[in-house]
Amino acid sequence: MIVAIPIGLLIGAVILRGAVSLANMCVGGGQAPAADPYEDEYEGDHRRPRYGRYKVDTGIPVPSIGQAMVVVLLAGIANFVIQLVIVVAVVGVAGGGAGANQRGGFGANPQAGFGARGAGAGGAEMVANLISLPATFLVASLITSGMLPTSFGRACLVTLFQYLIVIAIAIAIGIAVVAVVGGVAGFNGFKA
C-alpha cells in the first residue's frame, strides 16, 4: 500500500496532465502560462483575474506533477466515498441484507440475486458502479475546476479525456494480455 498509492497517484497525475493538454488542443486555446502563486491580484487601479480563469483565449494551465497528484488524490477520495455509499445502498437493496448468504459468503446466494436473473451481489455491484458513474464524473469535474484555474465546462472536458485515456490504456493492456496468453497457448499447442 505504501508503494502502490504514490505510484497510482503518479500515474493518475500523468493522465491528468495529458487530459489537460488534450482539452487545450480541443478548445483551441494554447497552453496557458504556469500560474504564479505570488502574483498580485491587482494591477494599477483595476482588478483583473489572477490566472486567466475568465479569459476565453487562454487554455488550462497544465498542473505540475505535485498539483496533479493532489487533484487526483482528492477526486479519488471523494469518488470512493460516493461509490461506497451507492454500492452499499444498491447491494443492500438488491442482495437482501447486503448480499450475505447463509454460509457467511458475500453474494454467493442465487436467491439473494439482483432482479429476476439472480445475478447476486456481483451483478448488483456492477449496476451500482454504472449508476455512480455520472455522480463521480461530476465530482471529479468539480474538483478539477476548483483546483485548476478553469471553468466547469472545461473541467468536464478534462475529466472526459481522463476517462477516455484510462479506457484506452485498459484496452491496450487487455490486448497485450490476450496476445501473451494466446502466444503461450499457441506455443504449448505445438509440443510434440
Protein backbone atom coordinates (compact mmCIF):
# COMPACT_ATOMS: atom_id res chain seq x y z
CA MET A 1 0.00 0.00 0.00
CA ILE A 2 2.80 2.39 0.88
CA VAL A 3 4.34 2.00 -2.57
CA ALA A 4 1.15 1.42 -4.57
CA ILE A 5 -0.63 4.65 -3.60
CA PRO A 6 2.17 7.03 -4.70
CA ILE A 7 2.65 5.06 -7.92
CA GLY A 8 -1.11 5.19 -8.60
CA LEU A 9 -1.15 8.93 -7.86
CA LEU A 10 1.79 9.46 -10.19
CA ILE A 11 0.08 7.54 -12.99
CA GLY A 12 -3.14 9.50 -12.37
CA ALA A 13 -1.19 12.77 -12.41
CA VAL A 14 0.38 11.93 -15.77
CA ILE A 15 -3.07 11.04 -17.13
CA LEU A 16 -4.48 14.34 -15.78
CA ARG A 17 -1.67 16.34 -17.38
CA GLY A 18 -2.30 14.55 -20.69
CA ALA A 19 -6.04 15.20 -20.41
CA VAL A 20 -5.40 18.91 -19.81
CA SER A 21 -3.16 19.03 -22.89
CA LEU A 22 -5.81 17.25 -24.99
CA ALA A 23 -8.50 19.61 -23.71
CA ASN A 24 -6.35 22.60 -24.62
CA MET A 25 -5.93 21.22 -28.14
CA CYS A 26 -9.67 20.62 -28.38
CA VAL A 27 -10.85 24.06 -27.26
CA GLY A 28 -8.26 25.84 -29.36
CA GLY A 29 -6.62 27.72 -26.52
CA GLY A 30 -2.89 27.47 -26.39
CA GLN A 31 -1.17 26.24 -23.29
CA ALA A 32 -1.72 28.82 -20.62
CA PRO A 33 1.29 30.11 -18.76
CA ALA A 34 2.05 28.49 -15.45
CA ALA A 35 0.19 30.09 -12.57
CA ASP A 36 2.32 32.26 -10.29
CA PRO A 37 1.02 31.96 -6.74
CA TYR A 38 2.93 35.09 -5.73
CA GLU A 39 1.45 37.26 -8.46
CA ASP A 40 -0.51 40.21 -7.16
CA GLU A 41 -4.21 40.26 -7.99
CA TYR A 42 -4.27 43.99 -8.55
CA GLU A 43 -2.54 45.78 -11.36
CA GLY A 44 -2.91 49.52 -11.32
CA ASP A 45 -6.37 50.73 -10.36
CA HIS A 46 -8.40 47.97 -11.97
CA ARG A 47 -8.92 44.42 -10.84
CA ARG A 48 -8.05 41.58 -13.17
CA PRO A 49 -8.45 37.82 -12.84
CA ARG A 50 -5.32 36.20 -11.39
CA TYR A 51 -4.89 33.13 -13.57
CA GLY A 52 -6.97 33.96 -16.62
CA ARG A 53 -9.92 31.94 -15.34
CA TYR A 54 -12.34 34.18 -17.20
CA LYS A 55 -10.31 34.68 -20.35
CA VAL A 56 -11.59 32.76 -23.34
CA ASP A 57 -8.42 32.76 -25.43
CA THR A 58 -6.14 31.03 -22.92
CA GLY A 59 -6.02 27.35 -22.24
CA ILE A 60 -5.97 25.49 -18.98
CA PRO A 61 -2.54 25.62 -17.35
CA VAL A 62 -1.02 22.14 -17.19
CA PRO A 63 -0.56 21.42 -13.49
CA SER A 64 2.74 20.37 -12.02
CA ILE A 65 3.11 16.71 -11.07
CA GLY A 66 2.60 17.54 -7.40
CA GLN A 67 -0.52 19.62 -8.00
CA ALA A 68 -1.91 16.97 -10.35
CA MET A 69 -1.29 14.30 -7.70
CA VAL A 70 -3.28 16.36 -5.16
CA VAL A 71 -6.15 16.78 -7.63
CA VAL A 72 -6.17 13.03 -8.35
CA LEU A 73 -6.00 12.21 -4.62
CA LEU A 74 -8.91 14.49 -3.68
CA ALA A 75 -11.02 13.27 -6.61
CA GLY A 76 -10.21 9.66 -5.71
CA ILE A 77 -11.21 10.09 -2.07
CA ALA A 78 -14.45 11.86 -2.96
CA ASN A 79 -15.32 9.29 -5.64
CA PHE A 80 -14.51 6.41 -3.27
CA VAL A 81 -16.98 7.76 -0.71
CA ILE A 82 -19.69 8.29 -3.34
CA GLN A 83 -19.21 4.84 -4.84
CA LEU A 84 -19.14 3.20 -1.42
CA VAL A 85 -22.47 4.76 -0.46
CA ILE A 86 -24.12 3.85 -3.78
CA VAL A 87 -22.74 0.28 -3.83
CA VAL A 88 -23.81 -0.38 -0.24
CA ALA A 89 -27.27 1.03 -0.97
CA VAL A 90 -27.78 -0.94 -4.19
CA VAL A 91 -26.28 -4.20 -2.94
CA GLY A 92 -28.20 -3.90 0.31
CA VAL A 93 -31.48 -3.44 -1.53
CA ALA A 94 -30.76 -5.96 -4.28
CA GLY A 95 -28.95 -8.58 -2.26
CA GLY A 96 -31.31 -8.83 0.68
CA GLY A 97 -29.29 -7.97 3.75
CA ALA A 98 -26.22 -6.62 1.93
CA GLY A 99 -25.91 -9.75 -0.19
CA ALA A 100 -24.67 -12.08 2.52
CA ASN A 101 -25.67 -15.72 2.25
CA GLN A 102 -26.28 -18.32 4.94
CA ARG A 103 -22.67 -19.55 4.87
CA GLY A 104 -21.27 -16.09 5.52
CA GLY A 105 -20.04 -15.55 1.99
CA PHE A 106 -20.83 -12.40 0.07
CA GLY A 107 -23.04 -12.70 -2.99
CA ALA A 108 -22.90 -16.48 -3.40
CA ASN A 109 -26.61 -16.97 -2.71
CA PRO A 110 -28.51 -17.04 -6.02
CA GLN A 111 -31.82 -16.44 -4.24
CA ALA A 112 -30.48 -13.13 -2.94
CA GLY A 113 -29.83 -12.07 -6.52
CA PHE A 114 -30.38 -8.86 -8.36
CA GLY A 115 -33.59 -8.84 -10.32
CA ALA A 116 -35.21 -11.91 -11.80
CA ARG A 117 -31.96 -13.37 -13.11
CA GLY A 118 -30.33 -13.79 -9.70
CA ALA A 119 -27.02 -12.20 -10.65
CA GLY A 120 -26.05 -11.92 -6.99
CA ALA A 121 -24.11 -9.15 -5.35
CA GLY A 122 -21.54 -9.08 -8.14
CA GLY A 123 -24.18 -8.03 -10.64
CA ALA A 124 -25.57 -5.53 -8.17
CA GLU A 125 -22.13 -4.05 -7.64
CA MET A 126 -21.67 -3.67 -11.39
CA VAL A 127 -25.05 -1.92 -11.67
CA ALA A 128 -24.13 0.29 -8.71
CA ASN A 129 -20.86 1.26 -10.36
CA LEU A 130 -22.72 2.19 -13.54
CA ILE A 131 -25.21 4.21 -11.51
CA SER A 132 -22.41 6.05 -9.73
CA LEU A 133 -20.58 6.92 -12.95
CA PRO A 134 -22.38 10.25 -13.60
CA ALA A 135 -22.00 11.30 -9.97
CA THR A 136 -18.29 10.51 -9.90
CA PHE A 137 -17.83 12.30 -13.23
CA LEU A 138 -19.45 15.45 -11.83
CA VAL A 139 -17.46 15.29 -8.59
CA ALA A 140 -14.18 14.83 -10.47
CA SER A 141 -15.10 17.77 -12.71
CA LEU A 142 -15.97 19.96 -9.72
CA ILE A 143 -12.69 19.14 -8.01
CA THR A 144 -10.77 19.77 -11.23
CA SER A 145 -12.46 23.14 -11.76
CA GLY A 146 -11.83 24.07 -8.14
CA MET A 147 -8.17 23.05 -8.11
CA LEU A 148 -7.23 24.28 -11.60
CA PRO A 149 -7.97 27.76 -12.90
CA THR A 150 -10.64 26.77 -15.39
CA SER A 151 -14.39 26.81 -15.88
CA PHE A 152 -16.63 23.88 -15.02
CA GLY A 153 -17.28 23.14 -18.70
CA ARG A 154 -13.59 22.84 -19.47
CA ALA A 155 -13.10 20.76 -16.33
CA CYS A 156 -15.79 18.38 -17.63
CA LEU A 157 -13.82 18.13 -20.87
CA VAL A 158 -10.64 17.36 -18.93
CA THR A 159 -12.45 14.68 -16.93
CA LEU A 160 -13.89 13.18 -20.12
CA PHE A 161 -10.40 12.97 -21.60
CA GLN A 162 -9.17 11.35 -18.37
CA TYR A 163 -11.85 8.67 -18.72
CA LEU A 164 -11.02 8.13 -22.41
CA ILE A 165 -7.29 7.82 -21.68
CA VAL A 166 -7.97 5.25 -18.94
CA ILE A 167 -10.25 3.28 -21.28
CA ALA A 168 -7.57 3.34 -24.00
CA ILE A 169 -4.95 2.11 -21.52
CA ALA A 170 -7.28 -0.66 -20.33
CA ILE A 171 -7.92 -1.77 -23.92
CA ALA A 172 -4.18 -1.78 -24.66
CA ILE A 173 -3.46 -3.85 -21.55
CA GLY A 174 -6.30 -6.24 -22.45
CA ILE A 175 -4.94 -6.71 -25.95
CA ALA A 176 -1.44 -7.34 -24.57
CA VAL A 177 -2.76 -9.92 -22.09
CA VAL A 178 -4.75 -11.70 -24.80
CA ALA A 179 -1.70 -11.70 -27.07
CA VAL A 180 0.55 -13.12 -24.35
CA VAL A 181 -1.99 -15.75 -23.28
CA GLY A 182 -2.69 -16.62 -26.91
CA GLY A 183 1.01 -16.85 -27.62
CA VAL A 184 1.64 -19.09 -24.63
CA ALA A 185 -1.32 -21.28 -25.51
CA GLY A 186 -0.19 -21.47 -29.12
CA PHE A 187 3.36 -22.27 -28.09
CA ASN A 188 2.18 -25.08 -25.79
CA GLY A 189 -0.04 -26.45 -28.57
CA PHE A 190 2.94 -27.15 -30.86
CA LYS A 191 4.74 -29.50 -28.47
CA ALA A 192 5.39 -32.95 -29.89
